[in-house]
């Protein structure tokens, strides 16, 4: 499992490194979030920039090490203004094909 691609995925969301989208995501990436579904690079970028614009003071943080086997990985994250304030938490499940992320399933923990 190439964890480098998963770490780059996380940096797109955490550090706003949108320039990595084409390197990390398959052309026909499908992102399924509880609030939206995005297909392809353009919709993925719109989803990410929309979230970052809506919550500019919040940042993603890993809650534990990335796990993976075969062609599937998951990462547990927190999203909030800082580590001491209330955070939204959840996990990403990623399916890789041909060295890129083909599907991203986003789960948000109940609050």
C-alpha atoms as a PDB file:
ATOM      1  CA  UNK A   1       0.000   0.000   0.000  1.00  0.00           C
ATOM      2  CA  UNK A   2       1.350   3.391  -1.019  1.00  0.00           C
ATOM      3  CA  UNK A   3       0.612   5.564   2.007  1.00  0.00           C
ATOM      4  CA  UNK A   4       2.261   8.529   0.266  1.00  0.00           C
ATOM      5  CA  UNK A   5      -0.808   8.973  -1.952  1.00  0.00           C
ATOM      6  CA  UNK A   6      -3.068   8.872   1.141  1.00  0.00           C
ATOM      7  CA  UNK A   7      -0.927  11.490   2.890  1.00  0.00           C
ATOM      8  CA  UNK A   8      -1.139  13.690  -0.215  1.00  0.00           C
ATOM      9  CA  UNK A   9      -4.933  13.260  -0.194  1.00  0.00           C
ATOM     10  CA  UNK A  10      -5.018  14.494   3.389  1.00  0.00           C
ATOM     11  CA  UNK A  11      -2.816  17.478   2.567  1.00  0.00           C
ATOM     12  CA  UNK A  12      -5.268  18.532  -0.176  1.00  0.00           C
ATOM     13  CA  UNK A  13      -7.988  18.888   2.468  1.00  0.00           C
ATOM     14  CA  UNK A  14      -5.798  20.011   5.394  1.00  0.00           C
ATOM     15  CA  UNK A  15      -3.326  22.330   3.694  1.00  0.00           C
ATOM     16  CA  UNK A  16      -5.462  23.402   0.717  1.00  0.00           C
ATOM     17  CA  UNK A  17      -2.990  21.907  -1.762  1.00  0.00           C
ATOM     18  CA  UNK A  18      -5.439  21.778  -4.642  1.00  0.00           C
ATOM     19  CA  UNK A  19      -2.551  21.480  -7.101  1.00  0.00           C
ATOM     20  CA  UNK A  20      -2.286  17.806  -6.044  1.00  0.00           C
ATOM     21  CA  UNK A  21      -5.812  16.857  -7.166  1.00  0.00           C
ATOM     22  CA  UNK A  22      -4.768  15.518 -10.587  1.00  0.00           C
ATOM     23  CA  UNK A  23      -1.822  13.605  -9.099  1.00  0.00           C
ATOM     24  CA  UNK A  24      -3.827  11.995  -6.278  1.00  0.00           C
ATOM     25  CA  UNK A  25      -7.338  11.415  -7.646  1.00  0.00           C
ATOM     26  CA  UNK A  26      -8.370   9.363 -10.668  1.00  0.00           C
ATOM     27  CA  UNK A  27      -9.911  11.417 -13.466  1.00  0.00           C
ATOM     28  CA  UNK A  28     -13.327   9.939 -12.630  1.00  0.00           C
ATOM     29  CA  UNK A  29     -12.928  10.172  -8.821  1.00  0.00           C
ATOM     30  CA  UNK A  30     -16.189   9.734  -6.930  1.00  0.00           C
ATOM     31  CA  UNK A  31     -16.442  11.461  -3.558  1.00  0.00           C
ATOM     32  CA  UNK A  32     -19.449  10.516  -1.447  1.00  0.00           C
ATOM     33  CA  UNK A  33     -20.057  12.765   1.541  1.00  0.00           C
ATOM     34  CA  UNK A  34     -23.203  12.801   3.719  1.00  0.00           C
ATOM     35  CA  UNK A  35     -24.071  16.193   2.196  1.00  0.00           C
ATOM     36  CA  UNK A  36     -22.876  15.858  -1.404  1.00  0.00           C
ATOM     37  CA  UNK A  37     -21.559  13.611  -4.151  1.00  0.00           C
ATOM     38  CA  UNK A  38     -18.792  14.824  -6.441  1.00  0.00           C
ATOM     39  CA  UNK A  39     -17.549  13.241  -9.674  1.00  0.00           C
ATOM     40  CA  UNK A  40     -14.274  14.153 -11.361  1.00  0.00           C
ATOM     41  CA  UNK A  41     -11.553  16.655 -10.580  1.00  0.00           C
ATOM     42  CA  UNK A  42     -13.619  19.786 -11.127  1.00  0.00           C
ATOM     43  CA  UNK A  43     -16.418  18.751  -8.746  1.00  0.00           C
ATOM     44  CA  UNK A  44     -13.875  17.479  -6.207  1.00  0.00           C
ATOM     45  CA  UNK A  45     -12.144  20.850  -6.213  1.00  0.00           C
ATOM     46  CA  UNK A  46     -15.492  22.654  -5.853  1.00  0.00           C
ATOM     47  CA  UNK A  47     -16.434  20.456  -2.878  1.00  0.00           C
ATOM     48  CA  UNK A  48     -13.097  21.053  -1.141  1.00  0.00           C
ATOM     49  CA  UNK A  49     -12.955  24.800  -1.773  1.00  0.00           C
ATOM     50  CA  UNK A  50     -16.599  25.169  -0.746  1.00  0.00           C
ATOM     51  CA  UNK A  51     -15.956  23.481   2.588  1.00  0.00           C
ATOM     52  CA  UNK A  52     -12.819  25.535   3.210  1.00  0.00           C
ATOM     53  CA  UNK A  53     -14.637  28.785   2.321  1.00  0.00           C
ATOM     54  CA  UNK A  54     -17.544  27.922   4.614  1.00  0.00           C
ATOM     55  CA  UNK A  55     -15.234  27.177   7.571  1.00  0.00           C
ATOM     56  CA  UNK A  56     -11.999  29.162   7.031  1.00  0.00           C
ATOM     57  CA  UNK A  57     -11.025  28.984  10.714  1.00  0.00           C
ATOM     58  CA  UNK A  58     -11.192  25.181  10.846  1.00  0.00           C
ATOM     59  CA  UNK A  59      -8.482  22.697   9.987  1.00  0.00           C
ATOM     60  CA  UNK A  60      -8.275  18.928   9.530  1.00  0.00           C
ATOM     61  CA  UNK A  61      -6.102  16.847  11.851  1.00  0.00           C
ATOM     62  CA  UNK A  62      -5.396  13.126  11.895  1.00  0.00           C
ATOM     63  CA  UNK A  63      -6.699  11.403  15.048  1.00  0.00           C
ATOM     64  CA  UNK A  64      -4.649   8.231  14.574  1.00  0.00           C
ATOM     65  CA  UNK A  65      -2.258   6.716  12.042  1.00  0.00           C
ATOM     66  CA  UNK A  66      -3.543   5.925   8.544  1.00  0.00           C
ATOM     67  CA  UNK A  67      -4.492   2.265   8.077  1.00  0.00           C
ATOM     68  CA  UNK A  68      -4.691   0.262   4.902  1.00  0.00           C
ATOM     69  CA  UNK A  69      -4.423  -3.065   3.157  1.00  0.00           C
ATOM     70  CA  UNK A  70      -4.592  -4.239  -0.432  1.00  0.00           C
ATOM     71  CA  UNK A  71      -6.214  -1.311  -2.263  1.00  0.00           C
ATOM     72  CA  UNK A  72      -8.281   0.164   0.601  1.00  0.00           C
ATOM     73  CA  UNK A  73      -7.241   2.711   3.222  1.00  0.00           C
ATOM     74  CA  UNK A  74      -8.920   4.665   5.975  1.00  0.00           C
ATOM     75  CA  UNK A  75      -8.013   7.643   8.030  1.00  0.00           C
ATOM     76  CA  UNK A  76      -9.664   9.133  11.090  1.00  0.00           C
ATOM     77  CA  UNK A  77      -9.813  12.920  11.233  1.00  0.00           C
ATOM     78  CA  UNK A  78     -10.987  15.839  13.335  1.00  0.00           C
ATOM     79  CA  UNK A  79     -12.104  19.169  11.874  1.00  0.00           C
ATOM     80  CA  UNK A  80     -12.189  22.291  14.003  1.00  0.00           C
ATOM     81  CA  UNK A  81     -10.563  25.594  14.885  1.00  0.00           C
ATOM     82  CA  UNK A  82      -7.946  24.061  17.178  1.00  0.00           C
ATOM     83  CA  UNK A  83      -7.230  20.922  19.157  1.00  0.00           C
ATOM     84  CA  UNK A  84      -8.751  22.242  22.377  1.00  0.00           C
ATOM     85  CA  UNK A  85     -12.143  23.291  21.017  1.00  0.00           C
ATOM     86  CA  UNK A  86     -15.002  21.054  19.969  1.00  0.00           C
ATOM     87  CA  UNK A  87     -14.224  19.161  16.795  1.00  0.00           C
ATOM     88  CA  UNK A  88     -16.290  17.444  14.147  1.00  0.00           C
ATOM     89  CA  UNK A  89     -14.831  13.958  13.723  1.00  0.00           C
ATOM     90  CA  UNK A  90     -15.123  11.262  11.116  1.00  0.00           C
ATOM     91  CA  UNK A  91     -13.255   9.007   8.776  1.00  0.00           C
ATOM     92  CA  UNK A  92     -12.388   8.689   5.111  1.00  0.00           C
ATOM     93  CA  UNK A  93     -12.434   5.328   3.369  1.00  0.00           C
ATOM     94  CA  UNK A  94     -10.378   5.399   0.182  1.00  0.00           C
ATOM     95  CA  UNK A  95     -10.321   2.903  -2.667  1.00  0.00           C
ATOM     96  CA  UNK A  96      -7.252   2.983  -4.874  1.00  0.00           C
ATOM     97  CA  UNK A  97      -7.008   1.896  -8.498  1.00  0.00           C
ATOM     98  CA  UNK A  98      -3.924   2.170 -10.708  1.00  0.00           C
ATOM     99  CA  UNK A  99      -2.008   4.169  -8.100  1.00  0.00           C
ATOM    100  CA  UNK A 100      -4.688   6.838  -7.599  1.00  0.00           C
ATOM    101  CA  UNK A 101      -7.723   7.294  -5.381  1.00  0.00           C
ATOM    102  CA  UNK A 102     -10.798   6.215  -7.354  1.00  0.00           C
ATOM    103  CA  UNK A 103     -13.404   6.488  -4.580  1.00  0.00           C
ATOM    104  CA  UNK A 104     -13.529   8.499  -1.375  1.00  0.00           C
ATOM    105  CA  UNK A 105     -16.259   7.713   1.128  1.00  0.00           C
ATOM    106  CA  UNK A 106     -16.566  10.294   3.899  1.00  0.00           C
ATOM    107  CA  UNK A 107     -18.259   9.424   7.189  1.00  0.00           C
ATOM    108  CA  UNK A 108     -19.023  12.025   9.854  1.00  0.00           C
ATOM    109  CA  UNK A 109     -19.399  10.797  13.433  1.00  0.00           C
ATOM    110  CA  UNK A 110     -22.675  11.576  15.193  1.00  0.00           C
ATOM    111  CA  UNK A 111     -22.408  14.591  17.480  1.00  0.00           C
END
